[in-house]
PDB file of N, CA and C in Angstrom:
ATOM      1  N   ALA A   1      -1.233  -2.976 -15.530  1.00  0.00           N
ATOM      2  CA  ALA A   1      -1.373  -3.077 -16.682  1.00  0.00           C
ATOM      3  C   ALA A   1      -0.714  -4.159 -16.755  1.00  0.00           C
ATOM      4  N   PRO A   2      -1.228  -5.112 -18.067  1.00  0.00           N
ATOM      5  CA  PRO A   2      -0.463  -6.378 -18.083  1.00  0.00           C
ATOM      6  C   PRO A   2       0.836  -6.216 -19.167  1.00  0.00           C
ATOM      7  N   ARG A   3       1.577  -7.205 -18.761  1.00  0.00           N
ATOM      8  CA  ARG A   3       2.862  -7.306 -19.244  1.00  0.00           C
ATOM      9  C   ARG A   3       2.958  -7.743 -20.744  1.00  0.00           C
ATOM     10  N   THR A   4       3.444  -6.578 -21.654  1.00  0.00           N
ATOM     11  CA  THR A   4       3.631  -7.050 -22.941  1.00  0.00           C
ATOM     12  C   THR A   4       4.778  -8.350 -23.249  1.00  0.00           C
ATOM     13  N   ARG A   5       5.509  -8.193 -22.205  1.00  0.00           N
ATOM     14  CA  ARG A   5       6.603  -9.328 -22.361  1.00  0.00           C
ATOM     15  C   ARG A   5       7.076  -9.686 -20.927  1.00  0.00           C
ATOM     16  N   THR A   6       7.631 -10.590 -20.479  1.00  0.00           N
ATOM     17  CA  THR A   6       8.144 -10.952 -19.295  1.00  0.00           C
ATOM     18  C   THR A   6       9.622 -10.595 -19.101  1.00  0.00           C
ATOM     19  N   PRO A   7      10.058  -9.416 -18.333  1.00  0.00           N
ATOM     20  CA  PRO A   7      11.515  -8.892 -18.084  1.00  0.00           C
ATOM     21  C   PRO A   7      12.455  -9.744 -17.478  1.00  0.00           C
ATOM     22  N   ALA A   8      13.341 -10.037 -17.415  1.00  0.00           N
ATOM     23  CA  ALA A   8      14.454 -10.775 -16.543  1.00  0.00           C
ATOM     24  C   ALA A   8      14.274 -10.515 -15.122  1.00  0.00           C
ATOM     25  N   PRO A   9      14.515 -11.361 -14.168  1.00  0.00           N
ATOM     26  CA  PRO A   9      14.066 -11.273 -12.853  1.00  0.00           C
ATOM     27  C   PRO A   9      15.154 -10.050 -12.493  1.00  0.00           C
ATOM     28  N   GLN A  10      14.453  -9.217 -11.825  1.00  0.00           N
ATOM     29  CA  GLN A  10      15.075  -7.778 -11.371  1.00  0.00           C
ATOM     30  C   GLN A  10      15.957  -7.657 -10.265  1.00  0.00           C
ATOM     31  N   SER A  11      15.770  -8.808  -9.289  1.00  0.00           N
ATOM     32  CA  SER A  11      16.532  -8.895  -8.042  1.00  0.00           C
ATOM     33  C   SER A  11      18.204  -8.939  -7.973  1.00  0.00           C
ATOM     34  N   ARG A  12      18.649  -9.113  -9.084  1.00  0.00           N
ATOM     35  CA  ARG A  12      20.196  -9.066  -8.821  1.00  0.00           C
ATOM     36  C   ARG A  12      20.629  -7.912 -10.307  1.00  0.00           C
ATOM     37  N   LEU A  13      19.898  -7.528 -10.612  1.00  0.00           N
ATOM     38  CA  LEU A  13      20.495  -6.380 -11.710  1.00  0.00           C
ATOM     39  C   LEU A  13      20.506  -4.859 -10.928  1.00  0.00           C
ATOM     40  N   SER A  14      21.444  -4.239 -11.744  1.00  0.00           N
ATOM     41  CA  SER A  14      21.520  -3.030 -11.093  1.00  0.00           C
ATOM     42  C   SER A  14      20.299  -1.909 -11.572  1.00  0.00           C
ATOM     43  N   GLY A  15      20.277  -0.622 -10.789  1.00  0.00           N
ATOM     44  CA  GLY A  15      19.142   0.344 -11.344  1.00  0.00           C
ATOM     45  C   GLY A  15      19.276   0.508 -12.758  1.00  0.00           C
ATOM     46  N   GLU A  16      20.547   0.867 -13.347  1.00  0.00           N
ATOM     47  CA  GLU A  16      20.274   0.863 -14.859  1.00  0.00           C
ATOM     48  C   GLU A  16      19.652  -0.169 -15.326  1.00  0.00           C
ATOM     49  N   GLU A  17      20.233  -1.339 -15.012  1.00  0.00           N
ATOM     50  CA  GLU A  17      19.987  -2.460 -15.780  1.00  0.00           C
ATOM     51  C   GLU A  17      18.325  -2.716 -15.864  1.00  0.00           C
ATOM     52  N   ARG A  18      17.878  -2.486 -14.619  1.00  0.00           N
ATOM     53  CA  ARG A  18      16.529  -2.728 -14.199  1.00  0.00           C
ATOM     54  C   ARG A  18      15.440  -1.735 -15.310  1.00  0.00           C
ATOM     55  N   ARG A  19      16.011  -0.544 -15.279  1.00  0.00           N
ATOM     56  CA  ARG A  19      15.642   0.466 -16.040  1.00  0.00           C
ATOM     57  C   ARG A  19      15.495   0.045 -17.463  1.00  0.00           C
ATOM     58  N   LYS A  20      16.500  -0.364 -17.979  1.00  0.00           N
ATOM     59  CA  LYS A  20      16.407  -1.037 -19.259  1.00  0.00           C
ATOM     60  C   LYS A  20      15.859  -2.189 -19.576  1.00  0.00           C
ATOM     61  N   THR A  21      15.767  -3.004 -18.884  1.00  0.00           N
ATOM     62  CA  THR A  21      14.672  -4.350 -19.012  1.00  0.00           C
ATOM     63  C   THR A  21      13.065  -3.898 -18.894  1.00  0.00           C
ATOM     64  N   LEU A  22      12.908  -2.924 -18.368  1.00  0.00           N
ATOM     65  CA  LEU A  22      11.448  -2.738 -18.306  1.00  0.00           C
ATOM     66  C   LEU A  22      10.815  -1.764 -19.287  1.00  0.00           C
ATOM     67  N   VAL A  23      11.642  -1.203 -20.060  1.00  0.00           N
ATOM     68  CA  VAL A  23      11.112  -0.214 -21.143  1.00  0.00           C
ATOM     69  C   VAL A  23      10.305  -1.242 -21.884  1.00  0.00           C
ATOM     70  N   GLY A  24       9.053  -0.835 -22.079  1.00  0.00           N
ATOM     71  CA  GLY A  24       8.147  -1.397 -23.168  1.00  0.00           C
ATOM     72  C   GLY A  24       7.474  -2.589 -22.447  1.00  0.00           C
ATOM     73  N   ALA A  25       7.716  -2.988 -21.396  1.00  0.00           N
ATOM     74  CA  ALA A  25       7.246  -4.314 -20.610  1.00  0.00           C
ATOM     75  C   ALA A  25       5.776  -3.919 -20.238  1.00  0.00           C
ATOM     76  N   PHE A  26       5.031  -3.271 -20.096  1.00  0.00           N
ATOM     77  CA  PHE A  26       3.543  -3.120 -19.889  1.00  0.00           C
ATOM     78  C   PHE A  26       2.770  -2.085 -20.891  1.00  0.00           C
ATOM     79  N   ALA A  27       1.680  -2.509 -20.940  1.00  0.00           N
ATOM     80  CA  ALA A  27       0.828  -1.887 -21.943  1.00  0.00           C
ATOM     81  C   ALA A  27      -0.775  -2.119 -21.543  1.00  0.00           C
ATOM     82  N   VAL A  28      -1.382  -1.140 -21.820  1.00  0.00           N
ATOM     83  CA  VAL A  28      -3.045  -1.229 -21.419  1.00  0.00           C
ATOM     84  C   VAL A  28      -3.532  -1.971 -22.372  1.00  0.00           C
ATOM     85  N   ALA A  29      -4.181  -3.096 -22.873  1.00  0.00           N
ATOM     86  CA  ALA A  29      -4.707  -3.604 -23.707  1.00  0.00           C
ATOM     87  C   ALA A  29      -6.214  -3.157 -24.133  1.00  0.00           C
ATOM     88  N   ASP A  30      -6.605  -2.954 -23.026  1.00  0.00           N
ATOM     89  CA  ASP A  30      -8.326  -2.493 -23.208  1.00  0.00           C
ATOM     90  C   ASP A  30      -8.691  -1.443 -22.031  1.00  0.00           C
ATOM     91  N   ALA A  31      -8.546  -0.179 -22.431  1.00  0.00           N
ATOM     92  CA  ALA A  31      -8.677   0.818 -21.453  1.00  0.00           C
ATOM     93  C   ALA A  31      -9.917   1.298 -20.835  1.00  0.00           C
ATOM     94  N   ARG A  32     -10.967   0.403 -21.457  1.00  0.00           N
ATOM     95  CA  ARG A  32     -12.295   0.877 -21.070  1.00  0.00           C
ATOM     96  C   ARG A  32     -12.420   0.632 -19.225  1.00  0.00           C
ATOM     97  N   GLY A  33     -11.881  -0.082 -18.686  1.00  0.00           N
ATOM     98  CA  GLY A  33     -11.912  -0.281 -17.469  1.00  0.00           C
ATOM     99  C   GLY A  33     -11.175   0.886 -16.703  1.00  0.00           C
ATOM    100  N   ILE A  34     -10.111   1.587 -17.249  1.00  0.00           N
ATOM    101  CA  ILE A  34      -9.209   2.207 -15.984  1.00  0.00           C
ATOM    102  C   ILE A  34      -9.226   3.572 -16.638  1.00  0.00           C
ATOM    103  N   ARG A  35     -10.344   4.134 -17.965  1.00  0.00           N
ATOM    104  CA  ARG A  35     -10.161   5.242 -18.396  1.00  0.00           C
ATOM    105  C   ARG A  35     -10.896   6.370 -17.518  1.00  0.00           C
ATOM    106  N   GLY A  36      -9.983   7.627 -17.177  1.00  0.00           N
ATOM    107  CA  GLY A  36     -10.572   8.661 -15.949  1.00  0.00           C
ATOM    108  C   GLY A  36     -10.660   8.057 -14.691  1.00  0.00           C
ATOM    109  N   ARG A  37     -10.174   6.932 -14.343  1.00  0.00           N
ATOM    110  CA  ARG A  37     -10.253   6.614 -12.855  1.00  0.00           C
ATOM    111  C   ARG A  37      -8.752   6.441 -12.297  1.00  0.00           C
ATOM    112  N   THR A  38      -8.695   6.455 -11.151  1.00  0.00           N
ATOM    113  CA  THR A  38      -7.528   6.219 -10.268  1.00  0.00           C
ATOM    114  C   THR A  38      -7.282   4.997  -9.753  1.00  0.00           C
ATOM    115  N   VAL A  39      -6.014   4.552 -10.388  1.00  0.00           N
ATOM    116  CA  VAL A  39      -5.609   3.114  -9.880  1.00  0.00           C
ATOM    117  C   VAL A  39      -4.607   2.698  -9.058  1.00  0.00           C
ATOM    118  N   LEU A  40      -4.809   2.050  -8.191  1.00  0.00           N
ATOM    119  CA  LEU A  40      -3.788   1.456  -7.087  1.00  0.00           C
ATOM    120  C   LEU A  40      -3.178   0.130  -7.395  1.00  0.00           C
ATOM    121  N   LEU A  41      -1.813   0.600  -7.734  1.00  0.00           N
ATOM    122  CA  LEU A  41      -0.931  -0.793  -7.947  1.00  0.00           C
ATOM    123  C   LEU A  41      -0.481  -1.176  -6.772  1.00  0.00           C
ATOM    124  N   VAL A  42      -0.311  -2.637  -6.516  1.00  0.00           N
ATOM    125  CA  VAL A  42       0.335  -3.027  -5.334  1.00  0.00           C
ATOM    126  C   VAL A  42       1.241  -3.921  -5.682  1.00  0.00           C
ATOM    127  N   ASP A  43       2.343  -4.103  -5.063  1.00  0.00           N
ATOM    128  CA  ASP A  43       3.063  -5.018  -5.256  1.00  0.00           C
ATOM    129  C   ASP A  43       3.861  -5.686  -4.012  1.00  0.00           C
ATOM    130  N   ASP A  44       4.502  -6.716  -3.955  1.00  0.00           N
ATOM    131  CA  ASP A  44       5.043  -7.526  -2.453  1.00  0.00           C
ATOM    132  C   ASP A  44       5.927  -6.652  -1.989  1.00  0.00           C
ATOM    133  N   VAL A  45       7.272  -6.407  -2.790  1.00  0.00           N
ATOM    134  CA  VAL A  45       8.538  -5.779  -2.302  1.00  0.00           C
ATOM    135  C   VAL A  45       8.744  -4.557  -3.419  1.00  0.00           C
ATOM    136  N   MET A  46       8.971  -3.551  -3.079  1.00  0.00           N
ATOM    137  CA  MET A  46       9.715  -2.538  -4.023  1.00  0.00           C
ATOM    138  C   MET A  46      11.041  -2.493  -3.809  1.00  0.00           C
ATOM    139  N   THR A  47      11.869  -2.649  -4.830  1.00  0.00           N
ATOM    140  CA  THR A  47      13.391  -2.615  -4.463  1.00  0.00           C
ATOM    141  C   THR A  47      13.676  -1.034  -5.219  1.00  0.00           C
ATOM    142  N   SER A  48      13.685  -0.763  -6.314  1.00  0.00           N
ATOM    143  CA  SER A  48      14.404   0.516  -7.033  1.00  0.00           C
ATOM    144  C   SER A  48      13.081   1.339  -7.124  1.00  0.00           C
ATOM    145  N   GLY A  49      11.751   0.867  -7.496  1.00  0.00           N
ATOM    146  CA  GLY A  49      10.761   1.268  -8.002  1.00  0.00           C
ATOM    147  C   GLY A  49      10.488   1.628  -9.438  1.00  0.00           C
ATOM    148  N   ASN A  50      11.253   0.982 -10.214  1.00  0.00           N
ATOM    149  CA  ASN A  50      11.017   1.098 -11.669  1.00  0.00           C
ATOM    150  C   ASN A  50       9.842   0.214 -12.269  1.00  0.00           C
ATOM    151  N   THR A  51       9.477  -0.976 -11.700  1.00  0.00           N
ATOM    152  CA  THR A  51       8.664  -1.570 -12.075  1.00  0.00           C
ATOM    153  C   THR A  51       7.183  -0.646 -11.966  1.00  0.00           C
ATOM    154  N   PHE A  52       7.252  -0.029 -10.706  1.00  0.00           N
ATOM    155  CA  PHE A  52       6.036   0.791 -10.398  1.00  0.00           C
ATOM    156  C   PHE A  52       5.987   2.186 -11.564  1.00  0.00           C
ATOM    157  N   ALA A  53       7.477   2.623 -11.820  1.00  0.00           N
ATOM    158  CA  ALA A  53       7.108   3.869 -12.396  1.00  0.00           C
ATOM    159  C   ALA A  53       6.659   3.415 -13.941  1.00  0.00           C
ATOM    160  N   HIS A  54       7.197   2.173 -14.596  1.00  0.00           N
ATOM    161  CA  HIS A  54       6.816   1.769 -16.020  1.00  0.00           C
ATOM    162  C   HIS A  54       5.353   1.501 -16.181  1.00  0.00           C
ATOM    163  N   CYS A  55       4.913   0.737 -14.942  1.00  0.00           N
ATOM    164  CA  CYS A  55       3.818  -0.134 -14.989  1.00  0.00           C
ATOM    165  C   CYS A  55       2.693   1.614 -14.723  1.00  0.00           C
ATOM    166  N   ALA A  56       3.065   2.479 -13.932  1.00  0.00           N
ATOM    167  CA  ALA A  56       2.312   3.534 -13.749  1.00  0.00           C
ATOM    168  C   ALA A  56       1.936   4.240 -15.093  1.00  0.00           C
ATOM    169  N   LYS A  57       3.154   4.407 -15.902  1.00  0.00           N
ATOM    170  CA  LYS A  57       3.315   5.262 -16.958  1.00  0.00           C
ATOM    171  C   LYS A  57       2.383   4.508 -18.232  1.00  0.00           C
ATOM    172  N   ALA A  58       2.292   3.516 -18.119  1.00  0.00           N
ATOM    173  CA  ALA A  58       1.571   2.248 -19.175  1.00  0.00           C
ATOM    174  C   ALA A  58      -0.091   2.791 -18.616  1.00  0.00           C
ATOM    175  N   LEU A  59      -0.324   2.991 -17.404  1.00  0.00           N
ATOM    176  CA  LEU A  59      -1.789   3.087 -17.107  1.00  0.00           C
ATOM    177  C   LEU A  59      -2.120   4.500 -17.349  1.00  0.00           C
ATOM    178  N   LEU A  60      -1.013   5.518 -17.036  1.00  0.00           N
ATOM    179  CA  LEU A  60      -1.727   6.873 -17.498  1.00  0.00           C
ATOM    180  C   LEU A  60      -1.541   6.986 -19.150  1.00  0.00           C
ATOM    181  N   ASP A  61      -0.662   6.415 -19.700  1.00  0.00           N
ATOM    182  CA  ASP A  61      -1.070   6.383 -20.974  1.00  0.00           C
ATOM    183  C   ASP A  61      -2.193   5.738 -21.937  1.00  0.00           C
ATOM    184  N   GLY A  62      -2.717   4.644 -21.101  1.00  0.00           N
ATOM    185  CA  GLY A  62      -3.940   4.107 -21.391  1.00  0.00           C
ATOM    186  C   GLY A  62      -5.037   4.872 -21.063  1.00  0.00           C
ATOM    187  N   GLY A  63      -4.907   5.858 -20.244  1.00  0.00           N
ATOM    188  CA  GLY A  63      -6.069   6.674 -19.766  1.00  0.00           C
ATOM    189  C   GLY A  63      -6.575   6.970 -18.281  1.00  0.00           C
ATOM    190  N   ALA A  64      -5.719   6.484 -17.448  1.00  0.00           N
ATOM    191  CA  ALA A  64      -6.028   6.329 -16.357  1.00  0.00           C
ATOM    192  C   ALA A  64      -5.710   7.884 -15.845  1.00  0.00           C
ATOM    193  N   PHE A  65      -6.502   8.231 -14.761  1.00  0.00           N
ATOM    194  CA  PHE A  65      -6.425   9.686 -14.234  1.00  0.00           C
ATOM    195  C   PHE A  65      -5.346  10.037 -13.388  1.00  0.00           C
ATOM    196  N   ARG A  66      -5.102   8.951 -12.487  1.00  0.00           N
ATOM    197  CA  ARG A  66      -4.318   8.970 -11.556  1.00  0.00           C
ATOM    198  C   ARG A  66      -3.579   7.361 -11.133  1.00  0.00           C
ATOM    199  N   VAL A  67      -2.486   7.297 -10.697  1.00  0.00           N
ATOM    200  CA  VAL A  67      -2.186   6.270 -10.139  1.00  0.00           C
ATOM    201  C   VAL A  67      -1.268   6.089  -8.748  1.00  0.00           C
ATOM    202  N   TRP A  68      -1.950   5.564  -7.751  1.00  0.00           N
ATOM    203  CA  TRP A  68      -1.097   5.248  -6.339  1.00  0.00           C
ATOM    204  C   TRP A  68      -0.237   3.982  -6.659  1.00  0.00           C
ATOM    205  N   CYS A  69       0.657   4.012  -5.999  1.00  0.00           N
ATOM    206  CA  CYS A  69       1.437   2.869  -5.768  1.00  0.00           C
ATOM    207  C   CYS A  69       1.788   2.489  -4.067  1.00  0.00           C
ATOM    208  N   ALA A  70       1.350   0.998  -3.945  1.00  0.00           N
ATOM    209  CA  ALA A  70       1.538   0.689  -2.649  1.00  0.00           C
ATOM    210  C   ALA A  70       2.440  -0.797  -2.323  1.00  0.00           C
ATOM    211  N   SER A  71       3.277  -0.795  -1.664  1.00  0.00           N
ATOM    212  CA  SER A  71       4.055  -2.059  -1.523  1.00  0.00           C
ATOM    213  C   SER A  71       4.020  -2.604  -0.014  1.00  0.00           C
ATOM    214  N   VAL A  72       4.054  -3.786   0.180  1.00  0.00           N
ATOM    215  CA  VAL A  72       4.269  -4.600   1.757  1.00  0.00           C
ATOM    216  C   VAL A  72       5.554  -4.213   2.176  1.00  0.00           C
ATOM    217  N   ALA A  73       6.400  -4.279   1.232  1.00  0.00           N
ATOM    218  CA  ALA A  73       8.112  -4.198   1.933  1.00  0.00           C
ATOM    219  C   ALA A  73       8.817  -3.418   1.010  1.00  0.00           C
ATOM    220  N   ARG A  74       9.644  -2.795   1.497  1.00  0.00           N
ATOM    221  CA  ARG A  74      10.831  -2.206   0.652  1.00  0.00           C
ATOM    222  C   ARG A  74      12.090  -2.578   0.804  1.00  0.00           C
ATOM    223  N   ARG A  75      12.929  -2.464   0.014  1.00  0.00           N
ATOM    224  CA  ARG A  75      14.229  -3.335  -0.062  1.00  0.00           C
ATOM    225  C   ARG A  75      15.093  -1.933   0.296  1.00  0.00           C
ATOM    226  N   LEU A  76      15.987  -2.117   1.345  1.00  0.00           N
ATOM    227  CA  LEU A  76      16.694  -1.090   1.753  1.00  0.00           C
ATOM    228  C   LEU A  76      18.128  -1.334   1.476  1.00  0.00           C
ATOM    229  N   LYS A  77      18.687  -0.310   1.140  1.00  0.00           N
ATOM    230  CA  LYS A  77      20.213  -0.621   0.445  1.00  0.00           C
ATOM    231  C   LYS A  77      21.022  -1.113   1.508  1.00  0.00           C
ATOM    232  N   ASP A  78      22.305  -1.854   0.835  1.00  0.00           N
ATOM    233  CA  ASP A  78      23.156  -2.494   1.991  1.00  0.00           C
ATOM    234  C   ASP A  78      24.179  -1.446   2.655  1.00  0.00           C
TER     235      ASP A  78
END
């Protein structure tokens, strides 16, 4: 899902701050390519999962049947 705006860098924000900055950050501009389809989202690093959650919601709201998420790395809590 394309970004409707670019949120602040997420790496130094708390989980709650990340959730707030991502609200409304993604939307589907043209659903013809995803309507009724399964979509795979890929990101380099997953920290809290908020980016995946908000992007997946935008894709589902835009007509995707199912959304799978995959990341190359996961940040572990300190």
